[in-house]
Amino acid sequence: IGVVDTNYILEKLPQYREAEKRLAAQ
């Protein structure tokens, strides 16, 4: 069994953070 934290992974991806900023602006 393994465990992964996808929210942590997403936070570490700069493209995702940029896309989140664009969504927040909209």
PDB file of all heavy atoms in Angstrom:
ATOM      1  N   ILE A   1       0.842  -1.185   0.000  1.00  0.00           N
ATOM      2  CA  ILE A   1       0.000   0.000   0.000  1.00  0.00           C
ATOM      3  C   ILE A   1       0.882   1.241   0.000  1.00  0.00           C
ATOM      4  O   ILE A   1       1.888   1.307   0.702  1.00  0.00           O
ATOM      5  CB  ILE A   1      -0.929   0.021   1.230  1.00  0.00           C
ATOM      6  CG1 ILE A   1      -1.875  -1.179   1.195  1.00  0.00           C
ATOM      7  CG2 ILE A   1      -1.714   1.318   1.307  1.00  0.00           C
ATOM      8  CD1 ILE A   1      -2.742  -1.315   2.420  1.00  0.00           C
ATOM      9  N   GLY A   2       0.473   2.222  -0.780  1.00  0.00           N
ATOM     10  CA  GLY A   2       1.160   3.503  -0.808  1.00  0.00           C
ATOM     11  C   GLY A   2       0.159   4.631  -0.644  1.00  0.00           C
ATOM     12  O   GLY A   2      -1.034   4.465  -0.878  1.00  0.00           O
ATOM     13  N   VAL A   3       0.663   5.774  -0.238  1.00  0.00           N
ATOM     14  CA  VAL A   3      -0.175   6.941  -0.034  1.00  0.00           C
ATOM     15  C   VAL A   3       0.432   8.108  -0.807  1.00  0.00           C
ATOM     16  O   VAL A   3       1.644   8.275  -0.841  1.00  0.00           O
ATOM     17  CB  VAL A   3      -0.295   7.291   1.469  1.00  0.00           C
ATOM     18  CG1 VAL A   3      -1.098   8.554   1.682  1.00  0.00           C
ATOM     19  CG2 VAL A   3      -0.911   6.138   2.226  1.00  0.00           C
ATOM     20  N   VAL A   4      -0.440   8.909  -1.428  1.00  0.00           N
ATOM     21  CA  VAL A   4      -0.020  10.073  -2.199  1.00  0.00           C
ATOM     22  C   VAL A   4      -0.914  11.247  -1.799  1.00  0.00           C
ATOM     23  O   VAL A   4      -2.090  11.066  -1.526  1.00  0.00           O
ATOM     24  CB  VAL A   4      -0.156   9.797  -3.718  1.00  0.00           C
ATOM     25  CG1 VAL A   4       0.140  11.027  -4.530  1.00  0.00           C
ATOM     26  CG2 VAL A   4       0.730   8.651  -4.139  1.00  0.00           C
ATOM     27  N   ASP A   5      -0.343  12.435  -1.756  1.00  0.00           N
ATOM     28  CA  ASP A   5      -1.102  13.654  -1.459  1.00  0.00           C
ATOM     29  C   ASP A   5      -1.178  14.496  -2.730  1.00  0.00           C
ATOM     30  O   ASP A   5      -0.256  15.230  -3.063  1.00  0.00           O
ATOM     31  CB  ASP A   5      -0.425  14.432  -0.343  1.00  0.00           C
ATOM     32  CG  ASP A   5      -1.233  15.631   0.124  1.00  0.00           C
ATOM     33  OD1 ASP A   5      -2.199  16.010  -0.560  1.00  0.00           O
ATOM     34  OD2 ASP A   5      -0.887  16.192   1.184  1.00  0.00           O
ATOM     35  N   THR A   6      -2.294  14.369  -3.468  1.00  0.00           N
ATOM     36  CA  THR A   6      -2.400  15.065  -4.750  1.00  0.00           C
ATOM     37  C   THR A   6      -2.500  16.585  -4.582  1.00  0.00           C
ATOM     38  O   THR A   6      -2.027  17.323  -5.447  1.00  0.00           O
ATOM     39  CB  THR A   6      -3.612  14.563  -5.561  1.00  0.00           C
ATOM     40  OG1 THR A   6      -4.790  14.686  -4.787  1.00  0.00           O
ATOM     41  CG2 THR A   6      -3.411  13.128  -5.995  1.00  0.00           C
ATOM     42  N   ASN A   7      -3.073  17.050  -3.489  1.00  0.00           N
ATOM     43  CA  ASN A   7      -3.122  18.501  -3.278  1.00  0.00           C
ATOM     44  C   ASN A   7      -1.718  19.078  -3.126  1.00  0.00           C
ATOM     45  O   ASN A   7      -1.416  20.143  -3.666  1.00  0.00           O
ATOM     46  CB  ASN A   7      -3.967  18.853  -2.053  1.00  0.00           C
ATOM     47  CG  ASN A   7      -5.443  18.699  -2.309  1.00  0.00           C
ATOM     48  OD1 ASN A   7      -5.894  18.655  -3.443  1.00  0.00           O
ATOM     49  ND2 ASN A   7      -6.213  18.605  -1.248  1.00  0.00           N
ATOM     50  N   TYR A   8      -0.866  18.395  -2.397  1.00  0.00           N
ATOM     51  CA  TYR A   8       0.517  18.820  -2.238  1.00  0.00           C
ATOM     52  C   TYR A   8       1.222  18.852  -3.593  1.00  0.00           C
ATOM     53  O   TYR A   8       1.941  19.801  -3.911  1.00  0.00           O
ATOM     54  CB  TYR A   8       1.244  17.864  -1.274  1.00  0.00           C
ATOM     55  CG  TYR A   8       2.721  18.138  -1.129  1.00  0.00           C
ATOM     56  CD1 TYR A   8       3.182  19.143  -0.285  1.00  0.00           C
ATOM     57  CD2 TYR A   8       3.657  17.393  -1.833  1.00  0.00           C
ATOM     58  CE1 TYR A   8       4.545  19.396  -0.143  1.00  0.00           C
ATOM     59  CE2 TYR A   8       5.018  17.639  -1.703  1.00  0.00           C
ATOM     60  CZ  TYR A   8       5.455  18.635  -0.866  1.00  0.00           C
ATOM     61  OH  TYR A   8       6.794  18.882  -0.742  1.00  0.00           O
ATOM     62  N   ILE A   9       0.993  17.831  -4.388  1.00  0.00           N
ATOM     63  CA  ILE A   9       1.613  17.754  -5.716  1.00  0.00           C
ATOM     64  C   ILE A   9       1.142  18.924  -6.580  1.00  0.00           C
ATOM     65  O   ILE A   9       1.947  19.592  -7.232  1.00  0.00           O
ATOM     66  CB  ILE A   9       1.298  16.407  -6.392  1.00  0.00           C
ATOM     67  CG1 ILE A   9       2.000  15.260  -5.645  1.00  0.00           C
ATOM     68  CG2 ILE A   9       1.718  16.416  -7.858  1.00  0.00           C
ATOM     69  CD1 ILE A   9       1.561  13.882  -6.059  1.00  0.00           C
ATOM     70  N   LEU A  10      -0.159  19.179  -6.585  1.00  0.00           N
ATOM     71  CA  LEU A  10      -0.693  20.279  -7.384  1.00  0.00           C
ATOM     72  C   LEU A  10      -0.103  21.623  -6.958  1.00  0.00           C
ATOM     73  O   LEU A  10       0.218  22.462  -7.800  1.00  0.00           O
ATOM     74  CB  LEU A  10      -2.221  20.322  -7.292  1.00  0.00           C
ATOM     75  CG  LEU A  10      -2.966  19.230  -8.050  1.00  0.00           C
ATOM     76  CD1 LEU A  10      -4.449  19.265  -7.705  1.00  0.00           C
ATOM     77  CD2 LEU A  10      -2.759  19.356  -9.543  1.00  0.00           C
ATOM     78  N   GLU A  11       0.043  21.819  -5.658  1.00  0.00           N
ATOM     79  CA  GLU A  11       0.616  23.070  -5.156  1.00  0.00           C
ATOM     80  C   GLU A  11       2.055  23.265  -5.608  1.00  0.00           C
ATOM     81  O   GLU A  11       2.517  24.398  -5.720  1.00  0.00           O
ATOM     82  CB  GLU A  11       0.548  23.114  -3.630  1.00  0.00           C
ATOM     83  CG  GLU A  11      -0.851  23.262  -3.083  1.00  0.00           C
ATOM     84  CD  GLU A  11      -0.923  23.074  -1.583  1.00  0.00           C
ATOM     85  OE1 GLU A  11       0.142  23.020  -0.915  1.00  0.00           O
ATOM     86  OE2 GLU A  11      -2.044  22.974  -1.058  1.00  0.00           O
ATOM     87  N   LYS A  12       2.743  22.188  -5.874  1.00  0.00           N
ATOM     88  CA  LYS A  12       4.155  22.261  -6.287  1.00  0.00           C
ATOM     89  C   LYS A  12       4.325  22.457  -7.793  1.00  0.00           C
ATOM     90  O   LYS A  12       5.428  22.702  -8.257  1.00  0.00           O
ATOM     91  CB  LYS A  12       4.902  20.995  -5.857  1.00  0.00           C
ATOM     92  CG  LYS A  12       5.007  20.824  -4.365  1.00  0.00           C
ATOM     93  CD  LYS A  12       5.830  21.925  -3.768  1.00  0.00           C
ATOM     94  CE  LYS A  12       5.950  21.776  -2.274  1.00  0.00           C
ATOM     95  NZ  LYS A  12       6.696  22.874  -1.671  1.00  0.00           N
ATOM     96  N   LEU A  13       3.252  22.361  -8.551  1.00  0.00           N
ATOM     97  CA  LEU A  13       3.335  22.530  -9.997  1.00  0.00           C
ATOM     98  C   LEU A  13       3.077  23.992 -10.359  1.00  0.00           C
ATOM     99  O   LEU A  13       1.971  24.500 -10.166  1.00  0.00           O
ATOM    100  CB  LEU A  13       2.316  21.633 -10.707  1.00  0.00           C
ATOM    101  CG  LEU A  13       2.502  20.128 -10.516  1.00  0.00           C
ATOM    102  CD1 LEU A  13       1.361  19.368 -11.171  1.00  0.00           C
ATOM    103  CD2 LEU A  13       3.837  19.672 -11.080  1.00  0.00           C
ATOM    104  N   PRO A  14       4.081  24.690 -10.895  1.00  0.00           N
ATOM    105  CA  PRO A  14       3.908  26.115 -11.193  1.00  0.00           C
ATOM    106  C   PRO A  14       2.797  26.390 -12.212  1.00  0.00           C
ATOM    107  O   PRO A  14       2.098  27.397 -12.100  1.00  0.00           O
ATOM    108  CB  PRO A  14       5.262  26.552 -11.752  1.00  0.00           C
ATOM    109  CG  PRO A  14       6.151  25.379 -11.738  1.00  0.00           C
ATOM    110  CD  PRO A  14       5.407  24.208 -11.200  1.00  0.00           C
ATOM    111  N   GLN A  15       2.613  25.496 -13.180  1.00  0.00           N
ATOM    112  CA  GLN A  15       1.559  25.713 -14.181  1.00  0.00           C
ATOM    113  C   GLN A  15       0.180  25.670 -13.528  1.00  0.00           C
ATOM    114  O   GLN A  15      -0.717  26.412 -13.917  1.00  0.00           O
ATOM    115  CB  GLN A  15       1.609  24.648 -15.293  1.00  0.00           C
ATOM    116  CG  GLN A  15       2.918  24.536 -15.985  1.00  0.00           C
ATOM    117  CD  GLN A  15       3.803  23.465 -15.343  1.00  0.00           C
ATOM    118  OE1 GLN A  15       3.690  23.162 -14.160  1.00  0.00           O
ATOM    119  NE2 GLN A  15       4.692  22.902 -16.127  1.00  0.00           N
ATOM    120  N   TYR A  16       0.008  24.794 -12.558  1.00  0.00           N
ATOM    121  CA  TYR A  16      -1.268  24.694 -11.865  1.00  0.00           C
ATOM    122  C   TYR A  16      -1.523  25.960 -11.045  1.00  0.00           C
ATOM    123  O   TYR A  16      -2.627  26.494 -11.050  1.00  0.00           O
ATOM    124  CB  TYR A  16      -1.306  23.459 -10.960  1.00  0.00           C
ATOM    125  CG  TYR A  16      -2.620  23.300 -10.235  1.00  0.00           C
ATOM    126  CD1 TYR A  16      -3.732  22.801 -10.890  1.00  0.00           C
ATOM    127  CD2 TYR A  16      -2.755  23.673  -8.903  1.00  0.00           C
ATOM    128  CE1 TYR A  16      -4.952  22.672 -10.239  1.00  0.00           C
ATOM    129  CE2 TYR A  16      -3.964  23.543  -8.249  1.00  0.00           C
ATOM    130  CZ  TYR A  16      -5.061  23.039  -8.922  1.00  0.00           C
ATOM    131  OH  TYR A  16      -6.262  22.925  -8.271  1.00  0.00           O
ATOM    132  N   ARG A  17      -0.492  26.434 -10.344  1.00  0.00           N
ATOM    133  CA  ARG A  17      -0.646  27.655  -9.549  1.00  0.00           C
ATOM    134  C   ARG A  17      -1.007  28.840 -10.447  1.00  0.00           C
ATOM    135  O   ARG A  17      -1.846  29.658 -10.096  1.00  0.00           O
ATOM    136  CB  ARG A  17       0.624  27.939  -8.750  1.00  0.00           C
ATOM    137  CG  ARG A  17       0.835  26.976  -7.593  1.00  0.00           C
ATOM    138  CD  ARG A  17       1.899  27.450  -6.635  1.00  0.00           C
ATOM    139  NE  ARG A  17       3.115  27.915  -7.261  1.00  0.00           N
ATOM    140  CZ  ARG A  17       4.218  27.202  -7.424  1.00  0.00           C
ATOM    141  NH1 ARG A  17       4.257  25.954  -7.004  1.00  0.00           N
ATOM    142  NH2 ARG A  17       5.292  27.722  -7.988  1.00  0.00           N
ATOM    143  N   GLU A  18      -0.384  28.921 -11.625  1.00  0.00           N
ATOM    144  CA  GLU A  18      -0.683  29.993 -12.570  1.00  0.00           C
ATOM    145  C   GLU A  18      -2.131  29.887 -13.071  1.00  0.00           C
ATOM    146  O   GLU A  18      -2.847  30.888 -13.159  1.00  0.00           O
ATOM    147  CB  GLU A  18       0.287  29.954 -13.750  1.00  0.00           C
ATOM    148  CG  GLU A  18       0.075  31.045 -14.758  1.00  0.00           C
ATOM    149  CD  GLU A  18       0.218  32.446 -14.190  1.00  0.00           C
ATOM    150  OE1 GLU A  18       1.074  32.659 -13.309  1.00  0.00           O
ATOM    151  OE2 GLU A  18      -0.542  33.330 -14.624  1.00  0.00           O
ATOM    152  N   ALA A  19      -2.560  28.687 -13.382  1.00  0.00           N
ATOM    153  CA  ALA A  19      -3.933  28.476 -13.837  1.00  0.00           C
ATOM    154  C   ALA A  19      -4.929  28.833 -12.727  1.00  0.00           C
ATOM    155  O   ALA A  19      -5.976  29.426 -12.996  1.00  0.00           O
ATOM    156  CB  ALA A  19      -4.125  27.035 -14.293  1.00  0.00           C
ATOM    157  N   GLU A  20      -4.603  28.501 -11.490  1.00  0.00           N
ATOM    158  CA  GLU A  20      -5.458  28.851 -10.351  1.00  0.00           C
ATOM    159  C   GLU A  20      -5.556  30.367 -10.199  1.00  0.00           C
ATOM    160  O   GLU A  20      -6.625  30.895  -9.894  1.00  0.00           O
ATOM    161  CB  GLU A  20      -4.913  28.237  -9.051  1.00  0.00           C
ATOM    162  CG  GLU A  20      -5.302  26.803  -8.832  1.00  0.00           C
ATOM    163  CD  GLU A  20      -6.762  26.654  -8.426  1.00  0.00           C
ATOM    164  OE1 GLU A  20      -7.300  27.484  -7.678  1.00  0.00           O
ATOM    165  OE2 GLU A  20      -7.373  25.684  -8.876  1.00  0.00           O
ATOM    166  N   LYS A  21      -4.448  31.073 -10.431  1.00  0.00           N
ATOM    167  CA  LYS A  21      -4.468  32.539 -10.350  1.00  0.00           C
ATOM    168  C   LYS A  21      -5.381  33.126 -11.424  1.00  0.00           C
ATOM    169  O   LYS A  21      -6.127  34.068 -11.161  1.00  0.00           O
ATOM    170  CB  LYS A  21      -3.051  33.105 -10.505  1.00  0.00           C
ATOM    171  CG  LYS A  21      -2.175  32.928  -9.300  1.00  0.00           C
ATOM    172  CD  LYS A  21      -0.796  33.514  -9.558  1.00  0.00           C
ATOM    173  CE  LYS A  21       0.171  33.164  -8.445  1.00  0.00           C
ATOM    174  NZ  LYS A  21       1.540  33.597  -8.748  1.00  0.00           N
ATOM    175  N   ARG A  22      -5.303  32.576 -12.637  1.00  0.00           N
ATOM    176  CA  ARG A  22      -6.170  33.055 -13.714  1.00  0.00           C
ATOM    177  C   ARG A  22      -7.638  32.805 -13.379  1.00  0.00           C
ATOM    178  O   ARG A  22      -8.493  33.672 -13.611  1.00  0.00           O
ATOM    179  CB  ARG A  22      -5.811  32.386 -15.049  1.00  0.00           C
ATOM    180  CG  ARG A  22      -4.516  32.888 -15.657  1.00  0.00           C
ATOM    181  CD  ARG A  22      -4.343  32.443 -17.101  1.00  0.00           C
ATOM    182  NE  ARG A  22      -4.618  31.041 -17.353  1.00  0.00           N
ATOM    183  CZ  ARG A  22      -3.727  30.058 -17.308  1.00  0.00           C
ATOM    184  NH1 ARG A  22      -2.481  30.307 -17.001  1.00  0.00           N
ATOM    185  NH2 ARG A  22      -4.090  28.811 -17.569  1.00  0.00           N
ATOM    186  N   LEU A  23      -7.927  31.645 -12.824  1.00  0.00           N
ATOM    187  CA  LEU A  23      -9.296  31.330 -12.432  1.00  0.00           C
ATOM    188  C   LEU A  23      -9.766  32.276 -11.325  1.00  0.00           C
ATOM    189  O   LEU A  23     -10.884  32.790 -11.375  1.00  0.00           O
ATOM    190  CB  LEU A  23      -9.409  29.875 -11.977  1.00  0.00           C
ATOM    191  CG  LEU A  23     -10.785  29.427 -11.497  1.00  0.00           C
ATOM    192  CD1 LEU A  23     -11.811  29.528 -12.621  1.00  0.00           C
ATOM    193  CD2 LEU A  23     -10.727  28.004 -10.964  1.00  0.00           C
ATOM    194  N   ALA A  24      -8.915  32.529 -10.345  1.00  0.00           N
ATOM    195  CA  ALA A  24      -9.273  33.432  -9.250  1.00  0.00           C
ATOM    196  C   ALA A  24      -9.523  34.845  -9.775  1.00  0.00           C
ATOM    197  O   ALA A  24     -10.440  35.533  -9.303  1.00  0.00           O
ATOM    198  CB  ALA A  24      -8.179  33.441  -8.184  1.00  0.00           C
ATOM    199  N   ALA A  25      -8.732  35.282 -10.752  1.00  0.00           N
ATOM    200  CA  ALA A  25      -8.941  36.602 -11.342  1.00  0.00           C
ATOM    201  C   ALA A  25     -10.294  36.667 -12.054  1.00  0.00           C
ATOM    202  O   ALA A  25     -11.014  37.673 -11.940  1.00  0.00           O
ATOM    203  CB  ALA A  25      -7.804  36.930 -12.315  1.00  0.00           C
ATOM    204  N   GLN A  26     -10.644  35.601 -12.774  1.00  0.00           N
ATOM    205  CA  GLN A  26     -11.926  35.572 -13.469  1.00  0.00           C
ATOM    206  C   GLN A  26     -13.080  35.580 -12.473  1.00  0.00           C
ATOM    207  O   GLN A  26     -14.063  36.304 -12.648  1.00  0.00           O
ATOM    208  CB  GLN A  26     -12.021  34.334 -14.367  1.00  0.00           C
ATOM    209  CG  GLN A  26     -13.319  34.235 -15.145  1.00  0.00           C
ATOM    210  CD  GLN A  26     -13.520  35.398 -16.098  1.00  0.00           C
ATOM    211  OE1 GLN A  26     -12.722  35.605 -16.999  1.00  0.00           O
ATOM    212  NE2 GLN A  26     -14.578  36.159 -15.899  1.00  0.00           N
TER     213      GLN A  26
END
